[in-house]
Amino acid sequence: MAKKQTSKSEFVLFDVTYEDGSRRSNRRVPSDVVGGLDGDEPARSVIEAQDREIAEKSGQPPLRIKSLQRAGATKK
């Protein structure tokens, strides 16, 4: 028997623009974090935590996020 496909994915992808002008694409955020009353804003704290972990491992200071946008979304 074939497996039933689910329409909901485990992660939502975001494009992140930092204050220094750099950009990171397809940052993964668990789908259960976004989409509530706060919309995509909780994704910022998840990505900031990921950035702190990456910065700690690399020995570089974390970058400040300027804007977040879902990957593939068009700008308003």
Protein backbone atom coordinates (compact mmCIF):
# COMPACT_ATOMS: atom_id res chain seq x y z
CA MET A 1 0.00 0.00 0.00
CA ALA A 2 1.11 3.52 -0.72
CA LYS A 3 1.79 5.90 2.13
CA LYS A 4 -0.63 8.72 2.70
CA GLN A 5 1.03 12.00 1.84
CA THR A 6 0.64 14.87 4.23
CA SER A 7 0.31 18.42 2.98
CA LYS A 8 1.97 20.00 6.02
CA SER A 9 5.74 20.05 6.05
CA GLU A 10 7.85 19.97 9.18
CA PHE A 11 9.71 23.20 8.43
CA VAL A 12 9.05 26.63 6.96
CA LEU A 13 11.90 28.21 5.01
CA PHE A 14 12.85 31.87 5.45
CA ASP A 15 15.15 34.28 3.65
CA VAL A 16 16.97 36.45 6.19
CA THR A 17 18.52 39.85 5.48
CA TYR A 18 21.01 41.14 8.03
CA GLU A 19 21.83 44.75 8.93
CA ASP A 20 25.23 44.53 7.22
CA GLY A 21 23.45 43.77 3.92
CA SER A 22 24.25 40.05 3.80
CA ARG A 23 21.51 37.53 3.11
CA ARG A 24 20.95 33.89 4.02
CA SER A 25 18.37 31.84 2.15
CA ASN A 26 16.28 28.87 3.20
CA ARG A 27 16.74 29.09 6.96
CA ARG A 28 14.64 26.32 8.49
CA VAL A 29 12.12 27.04 11.25
CA PRO A 30 9.79 24.35 12.69
CA SER A 31 6.32 24.82 11.24
CA ASP A 32 4.63 24.54 14.64
CA VAL A 33 6.36 27.80 15.72
CA VAL A 34 4.88 29.99 12.98
CA GLY A 35 1.36 30.66 11.78
CA GLY A 36 -0.43 31.46 15.02
CA LEU A 37 -1.73 34.87 16.04
CA ASP A 38 1.81 36.27 15.84
CA GLY A 39 2.26 35.07 12.24
CA ASP A 40 5.90 34.70 11.24
CA GLU A 41 7.34 36.88 14.04
CA PRO A 42 8.23 33.90 16.33
CA ALA A 43 10.55 32.71 13.56
CA ARG A 44 12.83 35.66 14.36
CA SER A 45 13.67 34.31 17.83
CA VAL A 46 14.29 30.81 16.45
CA ILE A 47 16.64 32.15 13.77
CA GLU A 48 18.39 34.44 16.28
CA ALA A 49 19.02 31.39 18.50
CA GLN A 50 20.43 29.51 15.50
CA ASP A 51 22.64 32.51 14.70
CA ARG A 52 23.96 32.66 18.28
CA GLU A 53 24.87 28.97 18.13
CA ILE A 54 26.62 29.40 14.77
CA ALA A 55 28.46 32.50 16.00
CA GLU A 56 29.60 30.70 19.15
CA LYS A 57 31.05 27.84 17.11
CA SER A 58 32.73 30.15 14.59
CA GLY A 59 34.05 32.67 17.10
CA GLN A 60 32.34 35.55 15.26
CA PRO A 61 29.76 37.91 16.76
CA PRO A 62 26.16 37.18 15.68
CA LEU A 63 24.67 39.45 13.03
CA ARG A 64 21.52 41.49 13.71
CA ILE A 65 18.50 40.59 11.60
CA LYS A 66 17.07 43.40 9.48
CA SER A 67 14.17 41.52 7.89
CA LEU A 68 12.61 38.08 7.47
CA GLN A 69 10.58 36.83 4.55
CA ARG A 70 9.25 33.38 3.75
CA ALA A 71 11.29 31.77 1.01
CA GLY A 72 9.51 32.09 -2.32
CA ALA A 73 7.14 34.81 -1.09
CA THR A 74 6.78 37.95 -3.16
CA LYS A 75 7.56 41.34 -1.65
CA LYS A 76 4.64 43.65 -0.94
